Amino acid sequence: MIWIITSPERIHEEAVIIDALLQAGVDRIMLRKPQWRAPEYDALMEEIDPAWFPRIIVHDNFSVCNKYPVGGIHLSGKTRDHMTGCELDLCLQRYPTSSTGIHDTAAIALMHRQFDTLLLSPVFNSISKPGYYGRFAGSLPEKQRRVFAMGGVDAGNIHQVWQWGFDGAALLGAIWQDPFKAVENYQRIQEIWNRNART
């Protein structure tokens, strides 16, 4: 299972690329635009075919989630840690998919039960954040929910993600470092993932 996280910056023809990625088979697109306000999100959402909304996850923006029938929400550690268990329950049960980021394998067992997907990072040296070095190598501990690898995942190391027991990967730099090749780069990574999954 492959998710793609949007570039934090505006990308030329971004809605067109998102549409092409979803048509190519990306499982989920996570809209993560930390500096954007509601009008900018609205402008992007209005350019995306509503048929794709169930496969879109929104990062930390409740107003977008309330306005559009998106498929899920991702809470950053900062947002998550400011919510009580009851608040998390009420928030997360509204969405088919709910995810959060973690930075330690011990957090897999400790994270709130309502999160169905955990994004562990950085697994490899980050492509989009120079100096953000990978911290994990080896098999994951036993887990009761999906754990995705994030941070530096590309065509050259996606096979290790499968071997270490991850359920998928969340890609950013491998896709957006060259937006014109976004679909091609995704397809190459997905092909390697599928090949490993069949063995």
C-alpha atoms as a PDB file:
ATOM      1  CA  MET A   1       0.000   0.000   0.000  1.00  0.00           C
ATOM      2  CA  ILE A   2       1.457   3.317  -1.085  1.00  0.00           C
ATOM      3  CA  TRP A   3       0.410   6.748   0.147  1.00  0.00           C
ATOM      4  CA  ILE A   4       1.728   9.998  -1.249  1.00  0.00           C
ATOM      5  CA  ILE A   5       2.091  13.141   0.838  1.00  0.00           C
ATOM      6  CA  THR A   6       1.840  16.406  -1.059  1.00  0.00           C
ATOM      7  CA  SER A   7       4.725  18.818  -1.192  1.00  0.00           C
ATOM      8  CA  PRO A   8       4.316  21.512   1.472  1.00  0.00           C
ATOM      9  CA  GLU A   9       4.810  24.106  -1.279  1.00  0.00           C
ATOM     10  CA  ARG A  10       2.476  24.864  -4.135  1.00  0.00           C
ATOM     11  CA  ILE A  11       3.213  22.708  -7.193  1.00  0.00           C
ATOM     12  CA  HIS A  12       2.364  23.812 -10.739  1.00  0.00           C
ATOM     13  CA  GLU A  13      -0.623  21.819 -12.030  1.00  0.00           C
ATOM     14  CA  GLU A  14      -0.841  20.047  -8.667  1.00  0.00           C
ATOM     15  CA  ALA A  15      -4.475  18.976  -9.010  1.00  0.00           C
ATOM     16  CA  VAL A  16      -3.710  17.479 -12.430  1.00  0.00           C
ATOM     17  CA  ILE A  17      -0.786  15.519 -10.969  1.00  0.00           C
ATOM     18  CA  ILE A  18      -2.880  14.358  -8.003  1.00  0.00           C
ATOM     19  CA  ASP A  19      -5.576  13.175 -10.411  1.00  0.00           C
ATOM     20  CA  ALA A  20      -2.991  11.312 -12.509  1.00  0.00           C
ATOM     21  CA  LEU A  21      -1.460   9.675  -9.426  1.00  0.00           C
ATOM     22  CA  LEU A  22      -4.844   8.476  -8.200  1.00  0.00           C
ATOM     23  CA  GLN A  23      -5.693   7.169 -11.662  1.00  0.00           C
ATOM     24  CA  ALA A  24      -2.358   5.326 -11.634  1.00  0.00           C
ATOM     25  CA  GLY A  25      -3.374   3.512  -8.447  1.00  0.00           C
ATOM     26  CA  VAL A  26      -2.051   5.456  -5.452  1.00  0.00           C
ATOM     27  CA  ASP A  27      -3.995   4.242  -2.416  1.00  0.00           C
ATOM     28  CA  ARG A  28      -4.212   7.604  -0.641  1.00  0.00           C
ATOM     29  CA  ILE A  29      -3.036  11.170  -1.167  1.00  0.00           C
ATOM     30  CA  MET A  30      -2.360  13.123   2.013  1.00  0.00           C
ATOM     31  CA  LEU A  31      -2.866  16.863   1.620  1.00  0.00           C
ATOM     32  CA  ARG A  32      -0.237  18.437   3.838  1.00  0.00           C
ATOM     33  CA  LYS A  33       0.175  22.181   3.359  1.00  0.00           C
ATOM     34  CA  PRO A  34       1.231  23.595   6.760  1.00  0.00           C
ATOM     35  CA  GLN A  35       1.339  27.219   5.594  1.00  0.00           C
ATOM     36  CA  TRP A  36      -1.951  27.177   3.710  1.00  0.00           C
ATOM     37  CA  ARG A  37      -5.183  28.752   4.876  1.00  0.00           C
ATOM     38  CA  ALA A  38      -8.749  27.753   3.994  1.00  0.00           C
ATOM     39  CA  PRO A  39      -8.969  29.656   0.660  1.00  0.00           C
ATOM     40  CA  GLU A  40      -5.858  27.920  -0.672  1.00  0.00           C
ATOM     41  CA  TYR A  41      -7.159  24.493   0.341  1.00  0.00           C
ATOM     42  CA  ASP A  42     -10.540  25.324  -1.190  1.00  0.00           C
ATOM     43  CA  ALA A  43      -8.906  26.323  -4.468  1.00  0.00           C
ATOM     44  CA  LEU A  44      -7.052  23.000  -4.666  1.00  0.00           C
ATOM     45  CA  MET A  45     -10.053  20.909  -3.605  1.00  0.00           C
ATOM     46  CA  GLU A  46     -12.235  22.610  -6.214  1.00  0.00           C
ATOM     47  CA  GLU A  47      -9.779  21.468  -8.900  1.00  0.00           C
ATOM     48  CA  ILE A  48      -9.816  17.828  -7.768  1.00  0.00           C
ATOM     49  CA  ASP A  49     -12.521  15.520  -9.088  1.00  0.00           C
ATOM     50  CA  PRO A  50     -14.895  14.867  -6.133  1.00  0.00           C
ATOM     51  CA  ALA A  51     -14.837  11.180  -7.081  1.00  0.00           C
ATOM     52  CA  TRP A  52     -11.316  11.105  -5.587  1.00  0.00           C
ATOM     53  CA  PHE A  53     -12.273  12.663  -2.232  1.00  0.00           C
ATOM     54  CA  PRO A  54     -12.661   9.269  -0.473  1.00  0.00           C
ATOM     55  CA  ARG A  55      -8.983   8.596  -1.257  1.00  0.00           C
ATOM     56  CA  ILE A  56      -7.779  11.908   0.139  1.00  0.00           C
ATOM     57  CA  ILE A  57      -6.513  12.295   3.687  1.00  0.00           C
ATOM     58  CA  VAL A  58      -6.114  15.771   5.141  1.00  0.00           C
ATOM     59  CA  HIS A  59      -3.252  16.635   7.483  1.00  0.00           C
ATOM     60  CA  ASP A  60      -4.291  18.573  10.608  1.00  0.00           C
ATOM     61  CA  ASN A  61      -7.003  20.684   8.992  1.00  0.00           C
ATOM     62  CA  PHE A  62     -10.408  20.094  10.529  1.00  0.00           C
ATOM     63  CA  SER A  63     -12.164  22.785   8.478  1.00  0.00           C
ATOM     64  CA  VAL A  64     -11.249  21.035   5.206  1.00  0.00           C
ATOM     65  CA  CYS A  65     -12.339  17.678   6.644  1.00  0.00           C
ATOM     66  CA  ASN A  66     -15.666  19.163   7.698  1.00  0.00           C
ATOM     67  CA  LYS A  67     -16.292  20.863   4.360  1.00  0.00           C
ATOM     68  CA  TYR A  68     -15.424  18.010   1.984  1.00  0.00           C
ATOM     69  CA  PRO A  69     -16.263  14.276   2.177  1.00  0.00           C
ATOM     70  CA  VAL A  70     -12.631  13.207   2.411  1.00  0.00           C
ATOM     71  CA  GLY A  71     -11.519   9.701   3.273  1.00  0.00           C
ATOM     72  CA  GLY A  72      -9.551  10.450   6.389  1.00  0.00           C
ATOM     73  CA  ILE A  73      -7.533  12.665   8.654  1.00  0.00           C
ATOM     74  CA  HIS A  74      -3.901  12.625   9.741  1.00  0.00           C
ATOM     75  CA  LEU A  75      -3.041  14.204  13.074  1.00  0.00           C
ATOM     76  CA  SER A  76       0.450  15.452  13.757  1.00  0.00           C
ATOM     77  CA  GLY A  77       2.010  14.564  17.087  1.00  0.00           C
ATOM     78  CA  LYS A  78       1.505  18.139  18.258  1.00  0.00           C
ATOM     79  CA  THR A  79      -2.221  18.125  17.481  1.00  0.00           C
ATOM     80  CA  ARG A  80      -2.669  14.600  18.827  1.00  0.00           C
ATOM     81  CA  ASP A  81      -0.919  15.354  22.109  1.00  0.00           C
ATOM     82  CA  HIS A  82      -3.202  18.326  22.796  1.00  0.00           C
ATOM     83  CA  MET A  83      -6.319  16.139  22.655  1.00  0.00           C
ATOM     84  CA  THR A  84      -7.755  13.953  25.391  1.00  0.00           C
ATOM     85  CA  GLY A  85      -8.557  10.301  24.725  1.00  0.00           C
ATOM     86  CA  CYS A  86     -12.248  11.176  24.563  1.00  0.00           C
ATOM     87  CA  GLU A  87     -11.607  13.996  22.085  1.00  0.00           C
ATOM     88  CA  LEU A  88      -9.554  11.644  19.919  1.00  0.00           C
ATOM     89  CA  ASP A  89     -12.342   9.057  19.979  1.00  0.00           C
ATOM     90  CA  LEU A  90     -14.940  11.618  18.895  1.00  0.00           C
ATOM     91  CA  CYS A  91     -12.698  13.038  16.195  1.00  0.00           C
ATOM     92  CA  LEU A  92     -11.322   9.866  14.661  1.00  0.00           C
ATOM     93  CA  GLN A  93     -14.499   7.794  14.558  1.00  0.00           C
ATOM     94  CA  ARG A  94     -15.861  10.219  11.938  1.00  0.00           C
ATOM     95  CA  TYR A  95     -13.349   9.139   9.297  1.00  0.00           C
ATOM     96  CA  PRO A  96     -12.787   5.851   7.448  1.00  0.00           C
ATOM     97  CA  THR A  97      -9.018   6.318   7.818  1.00  0.00           C
ATOM     98  CA  SER A  98      -7.127   7.971  10.659  1.00  0.00           C
ATOM     99  CA  SER A  99      -3.373   8.186  10.906  1.00  0.00           C
ATOM    100  CA  THR A 100      -0.634   9.810  12.934  1.00  0.00           C
ATOM    101  CA  GLY A 101       3.130   9.996  12.868  1.00  0.00           C
ATOM    102  CA  ILE A 102       5.486   8.289  15.291  1.00  0.00           C
ATOM    103  CA  HIS A 103       9.247   8.397  15.668  1.00  0.00           C
ATOM    104  CA  ASP A 104       9.902   5.348  17.812  1.00  0.00           C
ATOM    105  CA  THR A 105       8.950   1.688  17.378  1.00  0.00           C
ATOM    106  CA  ALA A 106       7.872   1.564  21.042  1.00  0.00           C
ATOM    107  CA  ALA A 107       5.044   3.965  20.143  1.00  0.00           C
ATOM    108  CA  ILE A 108       3.435   1.320  17.926  1.00  0.00           C
ATOM    109  CA  ALA A 109       1.969  -0.465  20.941  1.00  0.00           C
ATOM    110  CA  LEU A 110       1.261   2.713  22.907  1.00  0.00           C
ATOM    111  CA  MET A 111      -0.582   4.818  20.353  1.00  0.00           C
ATOM    112  CA  HIS A 112      -4.308   5.505  20.749  1.00  0.00           C
ATOM    113  CA  ARG A 113      -6.387   2.577  19.496  1.00  0.00           C
ATOM    114  CA  GLN A 114      -8.479   4.680  17.088  1.00  0.00           C
ATOM    115  CA  PHE A 115      -5.540   5.335  14.749  1.00  0.00           C
ATOM    116  CA  ASP A 116      -5.668   2.619  12.100  1.00  0.00           C
ATOM    117  CA  THR A 117      -2.405   3.661  10.427  1.00  0.00           C
ATOM    118  CA  LEU A 118       0.881   4.807  11.960  1.00  0.00           C
ATOM    119  CA  LEU A 119       3.598   6.521   9.915  1.00  0.00           C
ATOM    120  CA  LEU A 120       7.035   5.727  11.352  1.00  0.00           C
ATOM    121  CA  SER A 121       9.799   8.144  10.411  1.00  0.00           C
ATOM    122  CA  PRO A 122      12.481   8.754   9.451  1.00  0.00           C
ATOM    123  CA  VAL A 123      13.216   5.232   8.232  1.00  0.00           C
ATOM    124  CA  PHE A 124      15.827   6.302   5.662  1.00  0.00           C
ATOM    125  CA  ASN A 125      17.652   9.584   5.123  1.00  0.00           C
ATOM    126  CA  SER A 126      15.046  12.116   4.066  1.00  0.00           C
ATOM    127  CA  ILE A 127      14.959  13.194   0.427  1.00  0.00           C
ATOM    128  CA  SER A 128      12.998  16.395   1.066  1.00  0.00           C
ATOM    129  CA  LYS A 129      14.693  17.401   4.350  1.00  0.00           C
ATOM    130  CA  PRO A 130      18.502  17.338   4.082  1.00  0.00           C
ATOM    131  CA  GLY A 131      20.121  16.418   7.391  1.00  0.00           C
ATOM    132  CA  TYR A 132      17.100  14.419   8.576  1.00  0.00           C
ATOM    133  CA  TYR A 133      18.715  11.008   8.894  1.00  0.00           C
ATOM    134  CA  GLY A 134      17.148   7.555   8.982  1.00  0.00           C
ATOM    135  CA  ARG A 135      16.938   5.934  12.400  1.00  0.00           C
ATOM    136  CA  PHE A 136      15.463   2.498  11.812  1.00  0.00           C
ATOM    137  CA  ALA A 137      16.786  -0.698  10.299  1.00  0.00           C
ATOM    138  CA  GLY A 138      15.408  -4.130  10.921  1.00  0.00           C
ATOM    139  CA  SER A 139      12.116  -5.870  11.478  1.00  0.00           C
ATOM    140  CA  LEU A 140       9.216  -4.157  13.178  1.00  0.00           C
ATOM    141  CA  PRO A 141       7.890  -5.520  16.470  1.00  0.00           C
ATOM    142  CA  GLU A 142       4.564  -7.348  16.481  1.00  0.00           C
ATOM    143  CA  LYS A 143       1.744  -4.938  15.677  1.00  0.00           C
ATOM    144  CA  GLN A 144      -2.044  -4.818  15.650  1.00  0.00           C
ATOM    145  CA  ARG A 145      -2.495  -2.128  12.984  1.00  0.00           C
ATOM    146  CA  ARG A 146      -0.881  -0.826   9.831  1.00  0.00           C
ATOM    147  CA  VAL A 147       2.545   0.757  10.103  1.00  0.00           C
ATOM    148  CA  PHE A 148       3.960   2.612   7.099  1.00  0.00           C
ATOM    149  CA  ALA A 149       7.557   3.627   6.512  1.00  0.00           C
ATOM    150  CA  MET A 150       8.134   7.309   5.896  1.00  0.00           C
ATOM    151  CA  GLY A 151      11.284   9.284   5.244  1.00  0.00           C
ATOM    152  CA  GLY A 152      13.613   8.671   2.324  1.00  0.00           C
ATOM    153  CA  VAL A 153      11.632   5.817   0.788  1.00  0.00           C
ATOM    154  CA  ASP A 154      12.330   5.458  -2.935  1.00  0.00           C
ATOM    155  CA  ALA A 155      12.743   2.839  -5.663  1.00  0.00           C
ATOM    156  CA  GLY A 156      16.162   1.895  -4.313  1.00  0.00           C
ATOM    157  CA  ASN A 157      14.993   0.889  -0.837  1.00  0.00           C
ATOM    158  CA  ILE A 158      11.268   0.071  -1.039  1.00  0.00           C
ATOM    159  CA  HIS A 159      12.155  -3.657  -1.024  1.00  0.00           C
ATOM    160  CA  GLN A 160      13.627  -3.240   2.482  1.00  0.00           C
ATOM    161  CA  VAL A 161      10.395  -1.647   3.687  1.00  0.00           C
ATOM    162  CA  TRP A 162       8.575  -4.861   2.754  1.00  0.00           C
ATOM    163  CA  GLN A 163      11.281  -7.101   4.240  1.00  0.00           C
ATOM    164  CA  TRP A 164      11.165  -5.263   7.572  1.00  0.00           C
ATOM    165  CA  GLY A 165       7.439  -5.918   7.944  1.00  0.00           C
ATOM    166  CA  PHE A 166       5.936  -2.545   7.104  1.00  0.00           C
ATOM    167  CA  ASP A 167       2.444  -2.562   5.624  1.00  0.00           C
ATOM    168  CA  GLY A 168       3.235   0.202   3.175  1.00  0.00           C
ATOM    169  CA  ALA A 169       5.085   3.438   2.642  1.00  0.00           C
ATOM    170  CA  ALA A 170       4.288   7.139   2.559  1.00  0.00           C
ATOM    171  CA  LEU A 171       6.231   8.950  -0.159  1.00  0.00           C
ATOM    172  CA  LEU A 172       7.079  12.620  -0.468  1.00  0.00           C
ATOM    173  CA  GLY A 173      10.535  13.474  -1.799  1.00  0.00           C
ATOM    174  CA  ALA A 174      10.674  10.521  -4.208  1.00  0.00           C
ATOM    175  CA  ILE A 175       7.571  11.899  -5.924  1.00  0.00           C
ATOM    176  CA  TRP A 176       7.846  15.677  -5.708  1.00  0.00           C
ATOM    177  CA  GLN A 177      11.557  16.189  -6.338  1.00  0.00           C
ATOM    178  CA  ASP A 178      10.547  16.016 -10.004  1.00  0.00           C
ATOM    179  CA  PRO A 179       6.794  16.666 -10.333  1.00  0.00           C
ATOM    180  CA  PHE A 180       6.855  16.029 -14.084  1.00  0.00           C
ATOM    181  CA  LYS A 181       7.936  12.448 -13.337  1.00  0.00           C
ATOM    182  CA  ALA A 182       5.642  11.986 -10.335  1.00  0.00           C
ATOM    183  CA  VAL A 183       3.506   9.262 -11.924  1.00  0.00           C
ATOM    184  CA  GLU A 184       6.479   7.479 -13.474  1.00  0.00           C
ATOM    185  CA  ASN A 185       8.378   7.473 -10.162  1.00  0.00           C
ATOM    186  CA  TYR A 186       5.309   6.261  -8.275  1.00  0.00           C
ATOM    187  CA  GLN A 187       4.719   3.434 -10.760  1.00  0.00           C
ATOM    188  CA  ARG A 188       8.317   2.245 -10.480  1.00  0.00           C
ATOM    189  CA  ILE A 189       8.103   2.163  -6.674  1.00  0.00           C
ATOM    190  CA  GLN A 190       4.686   0.467  -6.733  1.00  0.00           C
ATOM    191  CA  GLU A 191       5.953  -2.170  -9.167  1.00  0.00           C
ATOM    192  CA  ILE A 192       8.862  -3.067  -6.868  1.00  0.00           C
ATOM    193  CA  TRP A 193       6.520  -3.166  -3.860  1.00  0.00           C
ATOM    194  CA  ASN A 194       4.100  -5.476  -5.691  1.00  0.00           C
ATOM    195  CA  ARG A 195       6.925  -7.740  -6.835  1.00  0.00           C
ATOM    196  CA  ASN A 196       8.148  -8.158  -3.250  1.00  0.00           C
ATOM    197  CA  ALA A 197       4.616  -8.683  -1.957  1.00  0.00           C
ATOM    198  CA  ARG A 198       4.137 -11.631  -4.327  1.00  0.00           C
ATOM    199  CA  THR A 199       7.323 -13.440  -3.240  1.00  0.00           C
END
